[in-house]
């Protein structure tokens, strides 16, 4: 997740002939049926959008955002289970009512999962303070997750997939990795160089325990017992950027190896990963994606990946939006994703984000931008996005 944050031409032509958005929203909200529970995806991959932290919005704003997403033709959405939990569940109910399939990110920074006496690790005012995974109380985690899942299940909501945690290979979201008081020192290149390795490894053990609990509690539901379980989406922040920021991190592939040593493959259906390649030429974008996702494997050979966040910035914020350059880069990334999906190494890609990060947002000037259209086009199963 970012700081504070995770051939559609023919369809665009169709979109120009649609009724005004307000009418479409009203019709969708009133009449669009939810997809049947247990229905299999007919496409080769899940393609969706992020809109995390809806719990921070009023009910009216939650409805507005989710209606906009559904009316734009998007079928899958990554939402958060965060405090206040009641507001998070309200958003899930609205999304489910609109027929959106939900990837639920469980925010492990929720203080309810930790003993009252523990304090978060400091970010020295350069980044938020964050809880240490080694302090995670698994009994508290189970109790609060069970309560939330029972309420969700009692409302008839079906969750498609669950992702406990976010970017836990990076100190912005894992308090067992340190933030240096002053940047400028080289950050770790491997686990042996982590400043507090013993606490970090205890945190890994606690994380795998939380994943196991999540699997068990999902199986205790009626509507979401078959939900897929995805490990926390890992940050792709590189070593040079980590040095510049003065923040510990580990490469996603190395981090996944540490989780595999602790038996996570027996619990999950896929590895979460985040992809923020920056603005590059098509060939460089393809190399970035294939190199970063090198550890993703088809079922039977390992575990496939889920890109639970990916994004390319457009810093031009004026209206009407000029999204041509970003659109081309997004189509190049989508082609790489499609190739990985064909091989069974990638199962999902959720763009970040809908409307909360201005430069990454694809909801621009009251409509889904051309780049947003390209990012959220359903996978046709033909192996490429034209």
Protein backbone atom coordinates (compact mmCIF):
# COMPACT_ATOMS: atom_id res chain seq x y z
CA UNK A 1 0.00 0.00 0.00
CA UNK A 2 1.27 3.46 -0.82
CA UNK A 3 2.05 6.14 1.69
CA UNK A 4 -1.39 6.41 3.42
CA UNK A 5 -2.64 4.10 1.10
CA UNK A 6 -1.89 -1.44 -1.63
CA UNK A 7 -8.42 -4.10 -25.87
CA UNK A 8 -10.87 -1.81 -23.95
CA UNK A 9 -11.20 0.53 -26.90
CA UNK A 10 -14.28 -1.30 -28.10
CA UNK A 11 -15.86 -1.10 -24.66
CA UNK A 12 -15.05 2.59 -24.42
CA UNK A 13 -17.02 3.07 -27.61
CA UNK A 14 -19.95 1.27 -26.06
CA UNK A 15 -19.58 3.35 -22.90
CA UNK A 16 -20.08 6.56 -24.87
CA UNK A 17 -23.59 5.44 -25.75
CA UNK A 18 -24.64 4.59 -22.21
CA UNK A 19 -27.31 6.42 -20.30
CA UNK A 20 -26.09 9.11 -17.88
CA UNK A 21 -24.15 7.76 -14.94
CA UNK A 22 -26.69 8.83 -12.35
CA UNK A 23 -29.41 6.73 -14.01
CA UNK A 24 -27.12 3.76 -14.31
CA UNK A 25 -26.22 3.99 -10.63
CA UNK A 26 -29.82 4.09 -9.55
CA UNK A 27 -30.75 1.07 -11.66
CA UNK A 28 -27.76 -0.91 -10.46
CA UNK A 29 -28.46 -0.25 -6.82
CA UNK A 30 -32.09 -1.15 -7.07
CA UNK A 31 -32.03 -4.17 -9.36
CA UNK A 32 -28.56 -5.67 -9.82
CA UNK A 33 -28.62 -9.15 -8.26
CA UNK A 34 -25.69 -10.48 -6.32
CA UNK A 35 -23.80 -13.28 -8.06
CA UNK A 36 -24.79 -16.70 -6.73
CA UNK A 37 -22.75 -17.98 -3.82
CA UNK A 38 -20.20 -20.51 -4.93
CA UNK A 39 -20.30 -19.45 -8.59
CA UNK A 40 -16.96 -20.09 -10.29
CA UNK A 41 -15.20 -17.37 -12.23
CA UNK A 42 -15.52 -18.03 -15.95
CA UNK A 43 -12.54 -15.83 -16.74
CA UNK A 44 -8.94 -16.90 -16.29
CA UNK A 45 -8.24 -14.30 -13.59
CA UNK A 46 -9.86 -11.93 -11.13
CA UNK A 47 -9.45 -8.30 -12.22
CA UNK A 48 -10.50 -5.64 -9.74
CA UNK A 49 -9.94 -2.34 -7.98
CA UNK A 50 -8.87 -1.23 -4.49
CA UNK A 51 -10.97 0.96 -2.27
CA UNK A 52 -9.58 0.39 1.21
CA UNK A 53 -10.61 2.13 4.44
CA UNK A 54 -14.25 2.72 3.54
CA UNK A 55 -14.85 2.49 7.29
CA UNK A 56 -13.57 6.05 7.51
CA UNK A 57 -16.43 7.37 5.33
CA UNK A 58 -20.06 8.13 6.09
CA UNK A 59 -22.64 5.61 4.94
CA UNK A 60 -23.70 7.97 2.17
CA UNK A 61 -20.15 8.28 0.87
CA UNK A 62 -19.66 4.53 1.10
CA UNK A 63 -22.74 4.03 -1.06
CA UNK A 64 -21.62 6.64 -3.57
CA UNK A 65 -18.17 5.12 -4.02
CA UNK A 66 -19.39 1.54 -4.35
CA UNK A 67 -22.15 2.50 -6.78
CA UNK A 68 -19.60 4.30 -8.95
CA UNK A 69 -17.38 1.22 -8.96
CA UNK A 70 -20.22 -1.16 -9.82
CA UNK A 71 -21.64 1.13 -12.51
CA UNK A 72 -18.21 1.25 -14.15
CA UNK A 73 -18.46 -2.47 -14.91
CA UNK A 74 -15.95 -3.58 -12.27
CA UNK A 75 -16.79 -6.95 -10.69
CA UNK A 76 -14.12 -7.44 -8.00
CA UNK A 77 -13.10 -5.06 -5.22
CA UNK A 78 -10.49 -5.17 -2.45
CA UNK A 79 -11.94 -3.75 0.77
CA UNK A 80 -10.61 -3.52 4.31
CA UNK A 81 -11.67 -4.93 7.65
CA UNK A 82 -10.41 -2.04 9.74
CA UNK A 83 -11.55 0.07 12.67
CA UNK A 84 -14.32 0.97 13.17
CA UNK A 85 -15.26 -2.60 12.30
CA UNK A 86 -19.00 -1.83 12.24
CA UNK A 87 -18.44 0.67 9.42
CA UNK A 88 -16.26 -1.79 7.54
CA UNK A 89 -19.05 -4.36 7.67
CA UNK A 90 -21.56 -1.78 6.41
CA UNK A 91 -19.39 -1.31 3.34
CA UNK A 92 -19.14 -5.06 2.79
CA UNK A 93 -22.92 -5.36 2.89
CA UNK A 94 -23.29 -2.63 0.27
CA UNK A 95 -20.67 -4.18 -1.99
CA UNK A 96 -22.25 -7.61 -1.71
CA UNK A 97 -25.68 -6.16 -2.47
CA UNK A 98 -24.28 -4.64 -5.65
CA UNK A 99 -22.93 -8.01 -6.77
CA UNK A 100 -19.28 -7.07 -6.24
CA UNK A 101 -16.98 -9.93 -5.29
CA UNK A 102 -14.93 -9.03 -2.25
CA UNK A 103 -11.25 -9.54 -1.48
CA UNK A 104 -11.14 -8.68 2.21
CA UNK A 105 -7.88 -7.27 3.57
CA UNK A 106 -7.64 -7.75 7.34
CA UNK A 107 -5.63 -4.85 8.73
CA UNK A 108 -3.27 -6.29 11.32
CA UNK A 109 -2.57 -2.83 12.70
CA UNK A 110 -5.92 -3.05 14.52
CA UNK A 111 -5.03 -2.39 18.17
CA UNK A 112 -7.78 -4.78 19.30
CA UNK A 113 -5.49 -7.66 18.27
CA UNK A 114 -2.74 -6.61 20.70
CA UNK A 115 -2.42 -6.53 24.51
CA UNK A 116 -3.37 -3.14 25.92
CA UNK A 117 0.05 -2.59 27.47
CA UNK A 118 2.12 -2.93 24.27
CA UNK A 119 3.13 0.15 22.33
CA UNK A 120 3.76 0.47 18.60
CA UNK A 121 7.23 0.91 17.16
CA UNK A 122 8.04 4.53 16.44
CA UNK A 123 8.35 5.94 12.96
CA UNK A 124 10.18 9.02 14.29
CA UNK A 125 7.53 11.26 12.76
CA UNK A 126 8.61 10.30 9.24
CA UNK A 127 6.10 7.46 8.97
CA UNK A 128 3.25 6.34 11.18
CA UNK A 129 3.98 4.30 14.31
CA UNK A 130 3.04 0.65 13.77
CA UNK A 131 2.40 -2.46 15.87
CA UNK A 132 4.98 -5.24 16.05
CA UNK A 133 3.79 -8.56 14.65
CA UNK A 134 5.71 -10.25 17.47
CA UNK A 135 3.23 -8.60 19.89
CA UNK A 136 0.18 -9.99 18.06
CA UNK A 137 -2.05 -11.81 20.56
CA UNK A 138 -3.47 -14.78 18.67
CA UNK A 139 -6.29 -15.32 21.18
CA UNK A 140 -7.42 -11.70 20.78
CA UNK A 141 -7.08 -12.00 17.03
CA UNK A 142 -9.27 -15.10 16.96
CA UNK A 143 -11.93 -13.60 19.22
CA UNK A 144 -12.28 -10.37 17.26
CA UNK A 145 -12.09 -12.04 13.85
CA UNK A 146 -14.69 -14.63 14.85
CA UNK A 147 -17.03 -11.87 16.02
CA UNK A 148 -16.64 -9.94 12.77
CA UNK A 149 -17.04 -13.01 10.55
CA UNK A 150 -20.17 -14.10 12.41
CA UNK A 151 -21.73 -10.70 11.88
CA UNK A 152 -20.75 -10.72 8.22
CA UNK A 153 -22.09 -14.25 7.78
CA UNK A 154 -25.32 -13.40 9.60
CA UNK A 155 -25.97 -10.70 7.00
CA UNK A 156 -25.66 -13.27 4.21
CA UNK A 157 -22.49 -11.72 2.80
CA UNK A 158 -20.19 -14.00 0.81
CA UNK A 159 -16.49 -13.14 0.83
CA UNK A 160 -14.57 -14.31 -2.22
CA UNK A 161 -11.07 -14.16 -0.72
CA UNK A 162 -9.34 -12.99 2.45
CA UNK A 163 -5.89 -11.41 2.79
CA UNK A 164 -4.63 -11.12 6.38
CA UNK A 165 -2.09 -8.31 6.62
CA UNK A 166 -0.44 -5.87 4.27
CA UNK A 167 3.20 -5.29 3.22
CA UNK A 168 4.60 -7.13 6.24
CA UNK A 169 8.02 -7.34 4.56
CA UNK A 170 8.36 -3.56 5.02
CA UNK A 171 8.76 -1.48 8.17
CA UNK A 172 5.85 0.79 7.22
CA UNK A 173 3.49 -2.07 8.16
CA UNK A 174 5.59 -4.43 10.31
CA UNK A 175 6.89 -2.96 13.55
CA UNK A 176 9.49 -5.72 13.92
CA UNK A 177 11.36 -4.04 11.06
CA UNK A 178 12.88 -0.76 12.18
CA UNK A 179 12.69 2.77 10.91
CA UNK A 180 16.05 4.45 11.32
CA UNK A 181 15.97 7.66 13.29
CA UNK A 182 17.95 9.28 10.48
CA UNK A 183 18.14 7.87 6.92
CA UNK A 184 21.47 7.34 5.24
CA UNK A 185 22.59 3.92 6.44
CA UNK A 186 22.36 0.80 4.29
CA UNK A 187 19.24 -1.22 5.07
CA UNK A 188 19.19 -5.06 5.18
CA UNK A 189 19.71 -7.10 2.02
CA UNK A 190 18.84 -10.39 3.76
CA UNK A 191 17.30 -11.63 6.99
CA UNK A 192 20.67 -11.99 8.73
CA UNK A 193 21.08 -8.20 8.58
CA UNK A 194 17.71 -7.32 10.16
CA UNK A 195 18.36 -5.22 13.27
CA UNK A 196 16.17 -7.27 15.61
CA UNK A 197 16.13 -10.64 13.91
CA UNK A 198 14.76 -12.61 16.87
CA UNK A 199 11.71 -10.35 17.21
CA UNK A 200 11.25 -10.34 13.43
CA UNK A 201 11.20 -14.13 13.31
CA UNK A 202 8.79 -14.31 16.26
CA UNK A 203 6.59 -11.99 14.23
CA UNK A 204 6.73 -14.38 11.27
CA UNK A 205 5.64 -17.23 13.55
CA UNK A 206 2.77 -15.09 14.87
CA UNK A 207 1.75 -14.19 11.33
CA UNK A 208 1.54 -17.82 10.22
CA UNK A 209 -0.48 -18.50 13.37
CA UNK A 210 -2.89 -15.71 12.39
CA UNK A 211 -3.24 -17.17 8.89
CA UNK A 212 -4.07 -20.57 10.39
CA UNK A 213 -6.70 -18.98 12.64
CA UNK A 214 -8.17 -17.12 9.68
CA UNK A 215 -8.54 -20.39 7.76
CA UNK A 216 -10.21 -22.07 10.74
CA UNK A 217 -12.63 -19.20 11.36
CA UNK A 218 -13.60 -18.98 7.69
CA UNK A 219 -14.45 -22.68 7.72
CA UNK A 220 -16.85 -21.95 10.58
CA UNK A 221 -18.99 -19.67 8.38
CA UNK A 222 -21.83 -20.62 6.09
CA UNK A 223 -21.39 -18.19 3.20
CA UNK A 224 -17.61 -17.75 3.16
CA UNK A 225 -16.35 -21.18 4.15
CA UNK A 226 -14.97 -21.63 0.64
CA UNK A 227 -13.23 -18.23 0.52
CA UNK A 228 -9.69 -18.32 -0.81
CA UNK A 229 -6.92 -17.35 1.59
CA UNK A 230 -4.12 -15.11 0.31
CA UNK A 231 -0.97 -14.20 2.25
CA UNK A 232 -0.31 -10.52 2.94
CA UNK A 233 0.45 -8.50 -0.18
CA UNK A 234 4.19 -7.80 -0.06
CA UNK A 235 5.81 -4.47 -0.85
CA UNK A 236 8.06 -4.16 -3.90
CA UNK A 237 10.06 -1.27 -2.37
CA UNK A 238 13.63 -1.82 -3.53
CA UNK A 239 16.84 -1.71 -1.53
CA UNK A 240 17.92 1.68 -2.85
CA UNK A 241 14.59 3.28 -1.98
CA UNK A 242 14.67 1.65 1.46
CA UNK A 243 18.15 3.11 2.02
CA UNK A 244 16.90 6.55 1.00
CA UNK A 245 13.93 6.31 3.37
CA UNK A 246 15.88 4.63 6.17
CA UNK A 247 13.36 1.82 6.49
CA UNK A 248 14.05 -1.92 6.74
CA UNK A 249 12.53 -4.28 4.16
CA UNK A 250 13.17 -7.65 2.58
CA UNK A 251 12.71 -8.77 -1.02
CA UNK A 252 9.33 -10.47 -1.57
CA UNK A 253 10.88 -13.72 -2.82
CA UNK A 254 13.12 -14.01 0.24
CA UNK A 255 10.24 -13.17 2.55
CA UNK A 256 8.01 -15.83 0.96
CA UNK A 257 10.78 -18.38 1.51
CA UNK A 258 10.74 -17.56 5.24
CA UNK A 259 6.96 -18.06 5.34
CA UNK A 260 7.23 -21.33 3.42
CA UNK A 261 9.74 -22.62 5.98
CA UNK A 262 7.00 -22.08 8.56
CA UNK A 263 4.44 -24.12 6.62
CA UNK A 264 2.32 -21.37 5.12
CA UNK A 265 1.78 -23.26 1.85
CA UNK A 266 -0.47 -25.74 3.66
CA UNK A 267 -2.78 -22.87 4.70
CA UNK A 268 -3.06 -20.53 1.72
CA UNK A 269 -4.26 -20.49 -1.87
CA UNK A 270 -1.87 -17.83 -3.11
CA UNK A 271 0.84 -15.30 -2.28
CA UNK A 272 -0.06 -11.62 -2.19
CA UNK A 273 2.28 -9.18 -3.93
CA UNK A 274 2.21 -5.46 -4.81
CA UNK A 275 3.55 -4.05 -8.07
CA UNK A 276 4.46 -0.37 -8.49
CA UNK A 277 6.87 -0.32 -11.44
CA UNK A 278 7.01 3.41 -12.08
CA UNK A 279 6.91 4.91 -15.56
CA UNK A 280 9.05 2.79 -17.90
CA UNK A 281 9.10 1.64 -21.50
CA UNK A 282 7.09 -1.46 -22.41
CA UNK A 283 10.08 -3.82 -22.39
CA UNK A 284 11.31 -2.51 -19.04
CA UNK A 285 7.82 -2.85 -17.54
CA UNK A 286 7.64 -6.47 -18.70
CA UNK A 287 11.05 -7.23 -17.18
CA UNK A 288 10.05 -5.60 -13.89
CA UNK A 289 6.86 -7.65 -13.60
CA UNK A 290 8.37 -10.99 -14.59
CA UNK A 291 11.40 -10.53 -12.32
CA UNK A 292 9.34 -9.45 -9.31
CA UNK A 293 6.88 -12.35 -9.73
CA UNK A 294 9.58 -14.95 -10.33
CA UNK A 295 8.59 -16.91 -7.19
CA UNK A 296 4.96 -17.35 -8.33
CA UNK A 297 4.19 -20.90 -9.47
CA UNK A 298 1.19 -22.81 -10.84
CA UNK A 299 -0.72 -25.06 -8.49
CA UNK A 300 1.15 -28.33 -8.07
CA UNK A 301 4.51 -26.60 -8.38
CA UNK A 302 4.06 -24.12 -5.54
CA UNK A 303 1.54 -21.32 -5.11
CA UNK A 304 0.32 -18.74 -7.62
CA UNK A 305 0.38 -15.04 -6.87
CA UNK A 306 -2.35 -12.48 -6.40
CA UNK A 307 -1.40 -8.91 -7.22
CA UNK A 308 -3.55 -7.28 -4.57
CA UNK A 309 -2.22 -3.81 -5.40
CA UNK A 310 -0.64 -2.39 -8.51
CA UNK A 311 -0.49 1.08 -9.93
CA UNK A 312 1.12 3.64 -12.19
CA UNK A 313 0.93 7.33 -11.37
CA UNK A 314 -0.43 10.18 -13.44
CA UNK A 315 0.55 13.44 -11.74
CA UNK A 316 -1.57 15.57 -14.10
CA UNK A 317 -4.66 16.28 -12.01
CA UNK A 318 -6.50 18.78 -14.21
CA UNK A 319 -9.83 18.12 -15.94
CA UNK A 320 -10.35 16.86 -18.54
CA UNK A 321 -7.78 14.23 -17.67
CA UNK A 322 -4.95 13.43 -20.09
CA UNK A 323 -4.35 9.75 -19.36
CA UNK A 324 -2.79 8.68 -22.66
CA UNK A 325 0.73 8.02 -21.42
CA UNK A 326 -0.40 6.16 -18.31
CA UNK A 327 -2.90 4.16 -20.34
CA UNK A 328 -0.13 2.81 -22.57
CA UNK A 329 1.96 1.78 -19.57
CA UNK A 330 -1.02 0.10 -17.92
CA UNK A 331 -1.78 -1.89 -21.07
CA UNK A 332 1.85 -3.07 -21.13
CA UNK A 333 1.60 -4.28 -17.52
CA UNK A 334 -1.71 -5.98 -18.25
CA UNK A 335 -0.09 -7.91 -21.12
CA UNK A 336 2.55 -9.22 -18.71
CA UNK A 337 -0.16 -10.15 -16.22
CA UNK A 338 -2.10 -11.97 -18.95
CA UNK A 339 0.93 -14.05 -19.87
CA UNK A 340 1.42 -15.05 -16.24
CA UNK A 341 -2.27 -15.88 -15.91
CA UNK A 342 -2.08 -18.13 -18.96
CA UNK A 343 0.68 -20.09 -17.23
CA UNK A 344 -1.31 -20.34 -13.97
CA UNK A 345 1.29 -18.29 -12.08
CA UNK A 346 -1.02 -15.32 -11.45
CA UNK A 347 -4.66 -15.49 -10.41
CA UNK A 348 -5.70 -11.89 -9.73
CA UNK A 349 -4.77 -8.24 -10.19
CA UNK A 350 -6.41 -5.42 -8.21
CA UNK A 351 -5.50 -1.90 -9.30
CA UNK A 352 -4.65 0.74 -6.67
CA UNK A 353 -6.67 2.83 -6.39
CA UNK A 354 -10.16 4.13 -7.04
CA UNK A 355 -10.15 7.64 -5.59
CA UNK A 356 -8.04 8.10 -2.45
CA UNK A 357 -4.54 8.66 -3.87
CA UNK A 358 -4.80 11.53 -6.38
CA UNK A 359 -1.90 10.56 -8.64
CA UNK A 360 -2.81 6.85 -8.68
CA UNK A 361 -6.57 7.33 -8.75
CA UNK A 362 -8.50 6.21 -11.83
CA UNK A 363 -11.77 7.91 -10.85
CA UNK A 364 -11.05 11.28 -12.45
CA UNK A 365 -13.27 14.20 -13.32
CA UNK A 366 -16.43 12.26 -12.40
CA UNK A 367 -15.72 9.17 -14.51
CA UNK A 368 -13.45 6.16 -14.85
CA UNK A 369 -10.38 7.42 -16.70
CA UNK A 370 -9.04 5.74 -19.88
CA UNK A 371 -6.18 4.27 -17.83
CA UNK A 372 -8.73 3.02 -15.31
CA UNK A 373 -10.67 1.36 -18.09
CA UNK A 374 -7.47 -0.36 -19.24
CA UNK A 375 -6.56 -1.40 -15.69
CA UNK A 376 -9.94 -2.95 -14.86
CA UNK A 377 -10.91 -4.54 -18.18
CA UNK A 378 -11.96 -8.14 -17.48
CA UNK A 379 -9.43 -10.72 -18.57
CA UNK A 380 -10.78 -12.09 -21.84
CA UNK A 381 -8.88 -15.33 -21.50
CA UNK A 382 -7.20 -14.63 -24.82
CA UNK A 383 -3.80 -14.04 -23.24
CA UNK A 384 -3.39 -10.35 -23.95
CA UNK A 385 -4.93 -6.94 -23.50
CA UNK A 386 -4.80 -5.14 -26.82
